[in-house]
Amino acid sequence: MDNQKIDEIEFVIFDTETTGFEPEAGDRIIEIAAVKLIGTQIKNEFHALINPCRQISEEAIAIHHITNAMLKDAPLMEEVMPKFLDFVEGSVLCAYNAAFDLGFINKELQLLNRNLAWQIPVIDILAMARRLLPHLGQYNLGYVANTLGVKKEQIHRALSDVYLSVDVFKWLKELLKAKGIDDFRSLQTLFGLASPYLNDLRNQKISRIQEALDLKVRLKIKYLSRSNAEVTEREVIPRQIKQENNKYYLVGYCDLRKEERTFSIDGILHLEIL
């Protein structure tokens, strides 16, 4: 999958609505929706309401307007979750603020005594928006969609928000391709949720940087800037590898800027020793 183009990958873009906002405090999923997307084409759709066997908080009802009465005859999660897992099998999961939805998915799996060791890659569309549109100021789904010219209202129901997320994802993919980034490995490196695979990629980069430090030679890097979302190629004389708050950085003298700079290792798309 690493060498595949982004438009060749089957993504499952999904969303959930819940009884509240804290899965560890007992909140449950009450609605889940997903669509399969390859390139610009939607291939299939999944949607279900779910009886959570608990009351929905007033705060949550005020957002999604799903009431307890609406769920009285809905199926239980033990019926819905296997169907959802079958739907997403073999695909890349993708969501707007993916960590929130995945936290609920994982909690539901735990309650069902299912294996939590997912090997499915997960892409966060919110992370894409923040990185590719760095000066927006706010990043709720409806505002980002409107900024990109998507004329749909966010109504906080799972299926409609999935289709809104699809439109935003398509726009952001085009912004990436305009920057010369069209491979899945780069997409996952930049916007994937933490996983053993991404840890391995990061460690490979760190190992190469350490090799350049030991040899006292230059590096050539391709880098996506956090400040202006530009992709540049530059030569760097590495000075050190720095860690802050579980993030890793290359510190070095940059020939392009003629000064010492700090580069997020996750933002390095390619590097080679010169």
C-alpha atoms as a PDB file:
ATOM      1  CA  MET A   1       0.000   0.000   0.000  1.00  0.00           C
ATOM      2  CA  ASP A   2       2.960   2.344   0.655  1.00  0.00           C
ATOM      3  CA  ASN A   3       3.730   2.908  -3.013  1.00  0.00           C
ATOM      4  CA  GLN A   4       0.118   3.235  -4.121  1.00  0.00           C
ATOM      5  CA  LYS A   5      -1.276   6.553  -5.240  1.00  0.00           C
ATOM      6  CA  ILE A   6      -3.809   8.123  -2.895  1.00  0.00           C
ATOM      7  CA  ASP A   7      -6.528   7.905  -5.531  1.00  0.00           C
ATOM      8  CA  GLU A   8      -5.992   4.128  -5.837  1.00  0.00           C
ATOM      9  CA  ILE A   9      -6.708   3.511  -2.137  1.00  0.00           C
ATOM     10  CA  GLU A  10     -10.132   2.496  -0.845  1.00  0.00           C
ATOM     11  CA  PHE A  11     -10.995   4.781   2.079  1.00  0.00           C
ATOM     12  CA  VAL A  12     -13.868   4.263   4.489  1.00  0.00           C
ATOM     13  CA  ILE A  13     -14.880   7.679   5.767  1.00  0.00           C
ATOM     14  CA  PHE A  14     -16.961   7.303   8.912  1.00  0.00           C
ATOM     15  CA  ASP A  15     -18.627   9.257  11.696  1.00  0.00           C
ATOM     16  CA  THR A  16     -20.405   8.505  14.965  1.00  0.00           C
ATOM     17  CA  GLU A  17     -22.975  10.168  17.189  1.00  0.00           C
ATOM     18  CA  THR A  18     -22.925   9.325  20.889  1.00  0.00           C
ATOM     19  CA  THR A  19     -24.768   9.583  24.203  1.00  0.00           C
ATOM     20  CA  GLY A  20     -22.122  11.988  25.473  1.00  0.00           C
ATOM     21  CA  PHE A  21     -18.477  12.829  25.064  1.00  0.00           C
ATOM     22  CA  GLU A  22     -16.584  10.461  27.380  1.00  0.00           C
ATOM     23  CA  PRO A  23     -16.355   6.790  26.371  1.00  0.00           C
ATOM     24  CA  GLU A  24     -14.348   5.983  29.485  1.00  0.00           C
ATOM     25  CA  ALA A  25     -17.210   7.375  31.594  1.00  0.00           C
ATOM     26  CA  GLY A  26     -19.700   5.026  29.956  1.00  0.00           C
ATOM     27  CA  ASP A  27     -20.927   7.018  26.967  1.00  0.00           C
ATOM     28  CA  ARG A  28     -21.910   4.870  23.983  1.00  0.00           C
ATOM     29  CA  ILE A  29     -22.319   5.120  20.227  1.00  0.00           C
ATOM     30  CA  ILE A  30     -25.932   5.626  19.089  1.00  0.00           C
ATOM     31  CA  GLU A  31     -25.374   6.190  15.355  1.00  0.00           C
ATOM     32  CA  ILE A  32     -22.626   5.156  12.976  1.00  0.00           C
ATOM     33  CA  ALA A  33     -22.279   5.833   9.274  1.00  0.00           C
ATOM     34  CA  ALA A  34     -19.605   5.251   6.646  1.00  0.00           C
ATOM     35  CA  VAL A  35     -19.019   5.396   2.906  1.00  0.00           C
ATOM     36  CA  LYS A  36     -16.387   3.725   0.736  1.00  0.00           C
ATOM     37  CA  LEU A  37     -14.455   6.142  -1.470  1.00  0.00           C
ATOM     38  CA  ILE A  38     -11.934   5.422  -4.231  1.00  0.00           C
ATOM     39  CA  GLY A  39     -10.615   8.509  -5.988  1.00  0.00           C
ATOM     40  CA  THR A  40     -13.713  10.680  -6.355  1.00  0.00           C
ATOM     41  CA  GLN A  41     -16.191   7.782  -6.574  1.00  0.00           C
ATOM     42  CA  ILE A  42     -18.390   6.632  -3.699  1.00  0.00           C
ATOM     43  CA  LYS A  43     -18.765   2.851  -3.897  1.00  0.00           C
ATOM     44  CA  ASN A  44     -20.937   1.861  -0.949  1.00  0.00           C
ATOM     45  CA  GLU A  45     -22.688   3.167   2.153  1.00  0.00           C
ATOM     46  CA  PHE A  46     -23.263   1.943   5.725  1.00  0.00           C
ATOM     47  CA  HIS A  47     -25.621   3.431   8.311  1.00  0.00           C
ATOM     48  CA  ALA A  48     -27.168   2.255  11.566  1.00  0.00           C
ATOM     49  CA  LEU A  49     -28.899   3.612  14.632  1.00  0.00           C
ATOM     50  CA  ILE A  50     -27.992   1.719  17.820  1.00  0.00           C
ATOM     51  CA  ASN A  51     -29.760   1.237  21.129  1.00  0.00           C
ATOM     52  CA  PRO A  52     -27.087   2.139  23.731  1.00  0.00           C
ATOM     53  CA  CYS A  53     -29.031   0.739  26.720  1.00  0.00           C
ATOM     54  CA  ARG A  54     -28.514   4.018  28.538  1.00  0.00           C
ATOM     55  CA  GLN A  55     -29.886   7.545  28.477  1.00  0.00           C
ATOM     56  CA  ILE A  56     -28.567  10.180  26.096  1.00  0.00           C
ATOM     57  CA  SER A  57     -27.304  13.335  27.789  1.00  0.00           C
ATOM     58  CA  GLU A  58     -29.234  16.563  27.216  1.00  0.00           C
ATOM     59  CA  GLU A  59     -26.034  18.173  25.932  1.00  0.00           C
ATOM     60  CA  ALA A  60     -25.675  15.488  23.251  1.00  0.00           C
ATOM     61  CA  ILE A  61     -29.350  15.662  22.244  1.00  0.00           C
ATOM     62  CA  ALA A  62     -28.978  19.415  21.771  1.00  0.00           C
ATOM     63  CA  ILE A  63     -26.241  18.733  19.197  1.00  0.00           C
ATOM     64  CA  HIS A  64     -27.524  15.783  17.166  1.00  0.00           C
ATOM     65  CA  HIS A  65     -31.246  15.799  18.097  1.00  0.00           C
ATOM     66  CA  ILE A  66     -31.357  12.007  18.460  1.00  0.00           C
ATOM     67  CA  THR A  67     -33.738  11.160  21.309  1.00  0.00           C
ATOM     68  CA  ASN A  68     -34.032   8.104  23.527  1.00  0.00           C
ATOM     69  CA  ALA A  69     -37.425   7.320  21.952  1.00  0.00           C
ATOM     70  CA  MET A  70     -35.835   7.177  18.483  1.00  0.00           C
ATOM     71  CA  LEU A  71     -33.550   4.356  19.629  1.00  0.00           C
ATOM     72  CA  LYS A  72     -36.070   2.229  21.527  1.00  0.00           C
ATOM     73  CA  ASP A  73     -36.356  -0.370  18.749  1.00  0.00           C
ATOM     74  CA  ALA A  74     -32.862   0.060  17.266  1.00  0.00           C
ATOM     75  CA  PRO A  75     -30.460  -2.932  17.230  1.00  0.00           C
ATOM     76  CA  LEU A  76     -27.829  -3.388  19.914  1.00  0.00           C
ATOM     77  CA  MET A  77     -24.120  -2.831  19.307  1.00  0.00           C
ATOM     78  CA  GLU A  78     -23.362  -6.566  19.305  1.00  0.00           C
ATOM     79  CA  GLU A  79     -25.472  -6.797  16.138  1.00  0.00           C
ATOM     80  CA  VAL A  80     -24.178  -3.637  14.446  1.00  0.00           C
ATOM     81  CA  MET A  81     -20.442  -3.798  15.163  1.00  0.00           C
ATOM     82  CA  PRO A  82     -19.706  -7.045  13.232  1.00  0.00           C
ATOM     83  CA  LYS A  83     -21.447  -5.556  10.183  1.00  0.00           C
ATOM     84  CA  PHE A  84     -19.383  -2.371  10.492  1.00  0.00           C
ATOM     85  CA  LEU A  85     -16.145  -4.356  10.806  1.00  0.00           C
ATOM     86  CA  ASP A  86     -17.047  -6.339   7.703  1.00  0.00           C
ATOM     87  CA  PHE A  87     -17.748  -3.084   5.862  1.00  0.00           C
ATOM     88  CA  VAL A  88     -14.352  -1.532   6.692  1.00  0.00           C
ATOM     89  CA  GLU A  89     -12.239  -4.665   6.185  1.00  0.00           C
ATOM     90  CA  GLY A  90      -9.394  -4.100   3.740  1.00  0.00           C
ATOM     91  CA  SER A  91      -9.895  -0.337   3.629  1.00  0.00           C
ATOM     92  CA  VAL A  92      -8.189   2.686   5.187  1.00  0.00           C
ATOM     93  CA  LEU A  93     -10.295   4.352   7.880  1.00  0.00           C
ATOM     94  CA  CYS A  94     -10.702   8.106   7.634  1.00  0.00           C
ATOM     95  CA  ALA A  95     -12.650  10.581   9.783  1.00  0.00           C
ATOM     96  CA  TYR A  96     -12.812  14.225  10.787  1.00  0.00           C
ATOM     97  CA  ASN A  97     -11.220  14.333  14.253  1.00  0.00           C
ATOM     98  CA  ALA A  98     -10.572  10.622  13.936  1.00  0.00           C
ATOM     99  CA  ALA A  99      -9.214  10.156  17.456  1.00  0.00           C
ATOM    100  CA  PHE A 100     -12.624  11.034  18.953  1.00  0.00           C
ATOM    101  CA  ASP A 101     -14.595   8.552  16.853  1.00  0.00           C
ATOM    102  CA  LEU A 102     -11.947   5.850  17.088  1.00  0.00           C
ATOM    103  CA  GLY A 103     -11.919   6.203  20.873  1.00  0.00           C
ATOM    104  CA  PHE A 104     -15.600   5.272  20.927  1.00  0.00           C
ATOM    105  CA  ILE A 105     -15.129   2.453  18.392  1.00  0.00           C
ATOM    106  CA  ASN A 106     -12.333   0.953  20.469  1.00  0.00           C
ATOM    107  CA  LYS A 107     -14.383   1.222  23.670  1.00  0.00           C
ATOM    108  CA  GLU A 108     -17.320  -0.568  22.023  1.00  0.00           C
ATOM    109  CA  LEU A 109     -14.966  -3.300  20.802  1.00  0.00           C
ATOM    110  CA  GLN A 110     -13.608  -3.682  24.308  1.00  0.00           C
ATOM    111  CA  LEU A 111     -17.133  -4.097  25.694  1.00  0.00           C
ATOM    112  CA  LEU A 112     -17.694  -6.841  23.116  1.00  0.00           C
ATOM    113  CA  ASN A 113     -14.412  -8.553  24.047  1.00  0.00           C
ATOM    114  CA  ARG A 114     -13.117  -7.989  20.537  1.00  0.00           C
ATOM    115  CA  ASN A 115      -9.453  -7.570  19.619  1.00  0.00           C
ATOM    116  CA  LEU A 116      -8.333  -3.946  19.868  1.00  0.00           C
ATOM    117  CA  ALA A 117      -5.045  -4.530  18.040  1.00  0.00           C
ATOM    118  CA  TRP A 118      -6.262  -2.947  14.833  1.00  0.00           C
ATOM    119  CA  GLN A 119      -3.883  -2.974  11.937  1.00  0.00           C
ATOM    120  CA  ILE A 120      -6.109  -0.693   9.851  1.00  0.00           C
ATOM    121  CA  PRO A 121      -4.441   2.635   8.991  1.00  0.00           C
ATOM    122  CA  VAL A 122      -6.439   5.667  10.164  1.00  0.00           C
ATOM    123  CA  ILE A 123      -6.225   9.104   8.507  1.00  0.00           C
ATOM    124  CA  ASP A 124      -7.419  12.244  10.306  1.00  0.00           C
ATOM    125  CA  ILE A 125      -9.077  14.774   7.975  1.00  0.00           C
ATOM    126  CA  LEU A 126      -8.913  17.411  10.743  1.00  0.00           C
ATOM    127  CA  ALA A 127      -5.113  17.047  10.819  1.00  0.00           C
ATOM    128  CA  MET A 128      -5.096  17.510   7.036  1.00  0.00           C
ATOM    129  CA  ALA A 129      -7.124  20.712   7.314  1.00  0.00           C
ATOM    130  CA  ARG A 130      -4.885  22.149  10.037  1.00  0.00           C
ATOM    131  CA  ARG A 131      -1.711  21.376   8.104  1.00  0.00           C
ATOM    132  CA  LEU A 132      -2.873  22.380   4.620  1.00  0.00           C
ATOM    133  CA  LEU A 133      -4.948  25.416   5.657  1.00  0.00           C
ATOM    134  CA  PRO A 134      -2.725  26.811   8.417  1.00  0.00           C
ATOM    135  CA  HIS A 135      -4.289  30.270   8.731  1.00  0.00           C
ATOM    136  CA  LEU A 136      -8.008  29.505   9.074  1.00  0.00           C
ATOM    137  CA  GLY A 137      -8.215  30.204  12.796  1.00  0.00           C
ATOM    138  CA  GLN A 138     -10.962  27.624  13.413  1.00  0.00           C
ATOM    139  CA  TYR A 139     -11.351  24.090  12.175  1.00  0.00           C
ATOM    140  CA  ASN A 140     -14.818  22.750  12.868  1.00  0.00           C
ATOM    141  CA  LEU A 141     -16.042  20.656   9.943  1.00  0.00           C
ATOM    142  CA  GLY A 142     -18.762  23.055   8.791  1.00  0.00           C
ATOM    143  CA  TYR A 143     -16.441  26.064   8.760  1.00  0.00           C
ATOM    144  CA  VAL A 144     -13.692  24.240   6.844  1.00  0.00           C
ATOM    145  CA  ALA A 145     -16.236  22.946   4.330  1.00  0.00           C
ATOM    146  CA  ASN A 146     -17.645  26.437   3.784  1.00  0.00           C
ATOM    147  CA  THR A 147     -14.128  27.857   3.369  1.00  0.00           C
ATOM    148  CA  LEU A 148     -13.458  25.285   0.648  1.00  0.00           C
ATOM    149  CA  GLY A 149     -16.704  26.184  -1.119  1.00  0.00           C
ATOM    150  CA  VAL A 150     -18.695  23.118  -0.035  1.00  0.00           C
ATOM    151  CA  LYS A 151     -22.254  24.391   0.254  1.00  0.00           C
ATOM    152  CA  LYS A 152     -23.654  21.867   2.707  1.00  0.00           C
ATOM    153  CA  GLU A 153     -24.755  22.510   6.273  1.00  0.00           C
ATOM    154  CA  GLN A 154     -23.275  20.460   9.103  1.00  0.00           C
ATOM    155  CA  ILE A 155     -26.266  19.025  10.965  1.00  0.00           C
ATOM    156  CA  HIS A 156     -24.405  16.651  13.312  1.00  0.00           C
ATOM    157  CA  ARG A 157     -25.984  13.445  12.070  1.00  0.00           C
ATOM    158  CA  ALA A 158     -23.576  10.673  11.202  1.00  0.00           C
ATOM    159  CA  LEU A 159     -24.461  10.053   7.559  1.00  0.00           C
ATOM    160  CA  SER A 160     -24.781  13.700   6.515  1.00  0.00           C
ATOM    161  CA  ASP A 161     -21.525  14.548   8.287  1.00  0.00           C
ATOM    162  CA  VAL A 162     -19.817  11.633   6.514  1.00  0.00           C
ATOM    163  CA  TYR A 163     -20.786  13.082   3.136  1.00  0.00           C
ATOM    164  CA  LEU A 164     -19.616  16.530   4.249  1.00  0.00           C
ATOM    165  CA  SER A 165     -16.313  14.949   5.349  1.00  0.00           C
ATOM    166  CA  VAL A 166     -16.022  13.229   1.961  1.00  0.00           C
ATOM    167  CA  ASP A 167     -16.303  16.573   0.158  1.00  0.00           C
ATOM    168  CA  VAL A 168     -13.690  18.165   2.427  1.00  0.00           C
ATOM    169  CA  PHE A 169     -11.380  15.164   2.018  1.00  0.00           C
ATOM    170  CA  LYS A 170     -11.618  15.403  -1.784  1.00  0.00           C
ATOM    171  CA  TRP A 171     -10.639  19.086  -1.681  1.00  0.00           C
ATOM    172  CA  LEU A 172      -7.722  18.471   0.668  1.00  0.00           C
ATOM    173  CA  LYS A 173      -6.462  15.594  -1.498  1.00  0.00           C
ATOM    174  CA  GLU A 174      -6.368  18.008  -4.439  1.00  0.00           C
ATOM    175  CA  LEU A 175      -4.363  20.511  -2.375  1.00  0.00           C
ATOM    176  CA  LEU A 176      -1.912  17.725  -1.547  1.00  0.00           C
ATOM    177  CA  LYS A 177      -1.580  16.662  -5.178  1.00  0.00           C
ATOM    178  CA  ALA A 178      -0.946  20.282  -6.185  1.00  0.00           C
ATOM    179  CA  LYS A 179       2.054  20.162  -3.832  1.00  0.00           C
ATOM    180  CA  GLY A 180       3.355  16.997  -5.499  1.00  0.00           C
ATOM    181  CA  ILE A 181       2.184  14.691  -2.698  1.00  0.00           C
ATOM    182  CA  ASP A 182       0.120  11.864  -4.168  1.00  0.00           C
ATOM    183  CA  ASP A 183       1.389   8.678  -2.514  1.00  0.00           C
ATOM    184  CA  PHE A 184      -0.267   6.916   0.402  1.00  0.00           C
ATOM    185  CA  ARG A 185       2.914   6.624   2.465  1.00  0.00           C
ATOM    186  CA  SER A 186       3.253  10.412   2.613  1.00  0.00           C
ATOM    187  CA  LEU A 187      -0.443  10.805   3.439  1.00  0.00           C
ATOM    188  CA  GLN A 188      -0.148   8.358   6.323  1.00  0.00           C
ATOM    189  CA  THR A 189       3.116   9.847   7.570  1.00  0.00           C
ATOM    190  CA  LEU A 190       1.626  13.334   7.699  1.00  0.00           C
ATOM    191  CA  PHE A 191      -1.933  12.673   8.841  1.00  0.00           C
ATOM    192  CA  GLY A 192      -2.176   9.117  10.207  1.00  0.00           C
ATOM    193  CA  LEU A 193      -3.036   8.365  13.819  1.00  0.00           C
ATOM    194  CA  ALA A 194      -0.216   6.894  15.880  1.00  0.00           C
ATOM    195  CA  SER A 195       0.494   3.247  15.085  1.00  0.00           C
ATOM    196  CA  PRO A 196       3.395   0.775  15.206  1.00  0.00           C
ATOM    197  CA  TYR A 197       3.833   1.286  11.456  1.00  0.00           C
ATOM    198  CA  LEU A 198       4.229   5.058  11.818  1.00  0.00           C
ATOM    199  CA  ASN A 199       6.600   4.555  14.743  1.00  0.00           C
ATOM    200  CA  ASP A 200       8.744   2.367  12.480  1.00  0.00           C
ATOM    201  CA  LEU A 201       8.768   5.026   9.752  1.00  0.00           C
ATOM    202  CA  ARG A 202       9.770   7.709  12.245  1.00  0.00           C
ATOM    203  CA  ASN A 203      12.523   5.523  13.688  1.00  0.00           C
ATOM    204  CA  GLN A 204      13.882   4.853  10.204  1.00  0.00           C
ATOM    205  CA  LYS A 205      14.148   8.611   9.612  1.00  0.00           C
ATOM    206  CA  ILE A 206      15.810   9.144  12.992  1.00  0.00           C
ATOM    207  CA  SER A 207      18.302   6.371  12.212  1.00  0.00           C
ATOM    208  CA  ARG A 208      19.225   8.009   8.897  1.00  0.00           C
ATOM    209  CA  ILE A 209      19.601  11.411  10.525  1.00  0.00           C
ATOM    210  CA  GLN A 210      21.805   9.912  13.245  1.00  0.00           C
ATOM    211  CA  GLU A 211      23.911   8.299  10.531  1.00  0.00           C
ATOM    212  CA  ALA A 212      24.394  11.704   8.891  1.00  0.00           C
ATOM    213  CA  LEU A 213      25.344  13.191  12.273  1.00  0.00           C
ATOM    214  CA  ASP A 214      27.914  10.451  12.863  1.00  0.00           C
ATOM    215  CA  LEU A 215      29.383  10.881   9.378  1.00  0.00           C
ATOM    216  CA  LYS A 216      29.257  14.695   9.642  1.00  0.00           C
ATOM    217  CA  VAL A 217      27.600  14.973   6.230  1.00  0.00           C
ATOM    218  CA  ARG A 218      24.641  16.851   4.796  1.00  0.00           C
ATOM    219  CA  LEU A 219      21.076  15.706   4.325  1.00  0.00           C
ATOM    220  CA  LYS A 220      18.737  16.509   1.454  1.00  0.00           C
ATOM    221  CA  ILE A 221      15.125  16.641   2.621  1.00  0.00           C
ATOM    222  CA  LYS A 222      11.693  17.198   1.128  1.00  0.00           C
ATOM    223  CA  TYR A 223       9.596  18.977   3.759  1.00  0.00           C
ATOM    224  CA  LEU A 224       5.998  20.114   4.281  1.00  0.00           C
ATOM    225  CA  SER A 225       6.082  23.311   6.333  1.00  0.00           C
ATOM    226  CA  ARG A 226       3.673  23.732   9.235  1.00  0.00           C
ATOM    227  CA  SER A 227       3.701  27.524   8.949  1.00  0.00           C
ATOM    228  CA  ASN A 228       2.673  27.966   5.307  1.00  0.00           C
ATOM    229  CA  ALA A 229       1.926  24.446   3.991  1.00  0.00           C
ATOM    230  CA  GLU A 230       4.636  24.780   1.323  1.00  0.00           C
ATOM    231  CA  VAL A 231       6.613  21.752   0.144  1.00  0.00           C
ATOM    232  CA  THR A 232      10.307  22.520  -0.362  1.00  0.00           C
ATOM    233  CA  GLU A 233      13.491  20.605  -1.023  1.00  0.00           C
ATOM    234  CA  ARG A 234      16.538  21.776   0.902  1.00  0.00           C
ATOM    235  CA  GLU A 235      19.974  20.724   2.050  1.00  0.00           C
ATOM    236  CA  VAL A 236      20.559  20.652   5.784  1.00  0.00           C
ATOM    237  CA  ILE A 237      23.676  20.285   7.924  1.00  0.00           C
ATOM    238  CA  PRO A 238      22.264  18.278  10.862  1.00  0.00           C
ATOM    239  CA  ARG A 239      23.144  19.494  14.374  1.00  0.00           C
ATOM    240  CA  GLN A 240      20.973  17.314  16.640  1.00  0.00           C
ATOM    241  CA  ILE A 241      17.804  15.267  17.032  1.00  0.00           C
ATOM    242  CA  LYS A 242      15.490  16.838  19.609  1.00  0.00           C
ATOM    243  CA  GLN A 243      12.485  15.356  21.414  1.00  0.00           C
ATOM    244  CA  GLU A 244       9.702  17.460  22.937  1.00  0.00           C
ATOM    245  CA  ASN A 245       6.305  16.208  24.142  1.00  0.00           C
ATOM    246  CA  ASN A 246       6.684  12.873  22.324  1.00  0.00           C
ATOM    247  CA  LYS A 247       7.496  14.696  19.069  1.00  0.00           C
ATOM    248  CA  TYR A 248      10.848  14.398  17.318  1.00  0.00           C
ATOM    249  CA  TYR A 249      12.674  17.178  15.458  1.00  0.00           C
ATOM    250  CA  LEU A 250      15.738  17.608  13.281  1.00  0.00           C
ATOM    251  CA  VAL A 251      17.736  20.711  14.173  1.00  0.00           C
ATOM    252  CA  GLY A 252      20.216  21.837  11.540  1.00  0.00           C
ATOM    253  CA  TYR A 253      21.597  24.597   9.357  1.00  0.00           C
ATOM    254  CA  CYS A 254      19.341  25.080   6.328  1.00  0.00           C
ATOM    255  CA  ASP A 255      20.975  26.203   3.086  1.00  0.00           C
ATOM    256  CA  LEU A 256      17.639  27.470   1.761  1.00  0.00           C
ATOM    257  CA  ARG A 257      16.994  29.827   4.698  1.00  0.00           C
ATOM    258  CA  LYS A 258      20.676  30.434   5.527  1.00  0.00           C
ATOM    259  CA  GLU A 259      20.063  29.840   9.228  1.00  0.00           C
ATOM    260  CA  GLU A 260      19.560  27.119  11.807  1.00  0.00           C
ATOM    261  CA  ARG A 261      16.055  25.665  11.573  1.00  0.00           C
ATOM    262  CA  THR A 262      13.949  23.036  13.340  1.00  0.00           C
ATOM    263  CA  PHE A 263      12.061  20.465  11.260  1.00  0.00           C
ATOM    264  CA  SER A 264       9.344  18.129  12.511  1.00  0.00           C
ATOM    265  CA  ILE A 265      10.465  14.624  11.578  1.00  0.00           C
ATOM    266  CA  ASP A 266       6.850  13.729  10.740  1.00  0.00           C
ATOM    267  CA  GLY A 267       6.884  16.541   8.170  1.00  0.00           C
ATOM    268  CA  ILE A 268       9.934  15.144   6.340  1.00  0.00           C
ATOM    269  CA  LEU A 269       8.543  13.407   3.274  1.00  0.00           C
ATOM    270  CA  HIS A 270      11.875  12.175   1.965  1.00  0.00           C
ATOM    271  CA  LEU A 271      15.490  12.363   3.071  1.00  0.00           C
ATOM    272  CA  GLU A 272      18.797  11.178   1.719  1.00  0.00           C
ATOM    273  CA  ILE A 273      22.386  11.391   2.882  1.00  0.00           C
ATOM    274  CA  LEU A 274      24.657  13.438   0.612  1.00  0.00           C
END
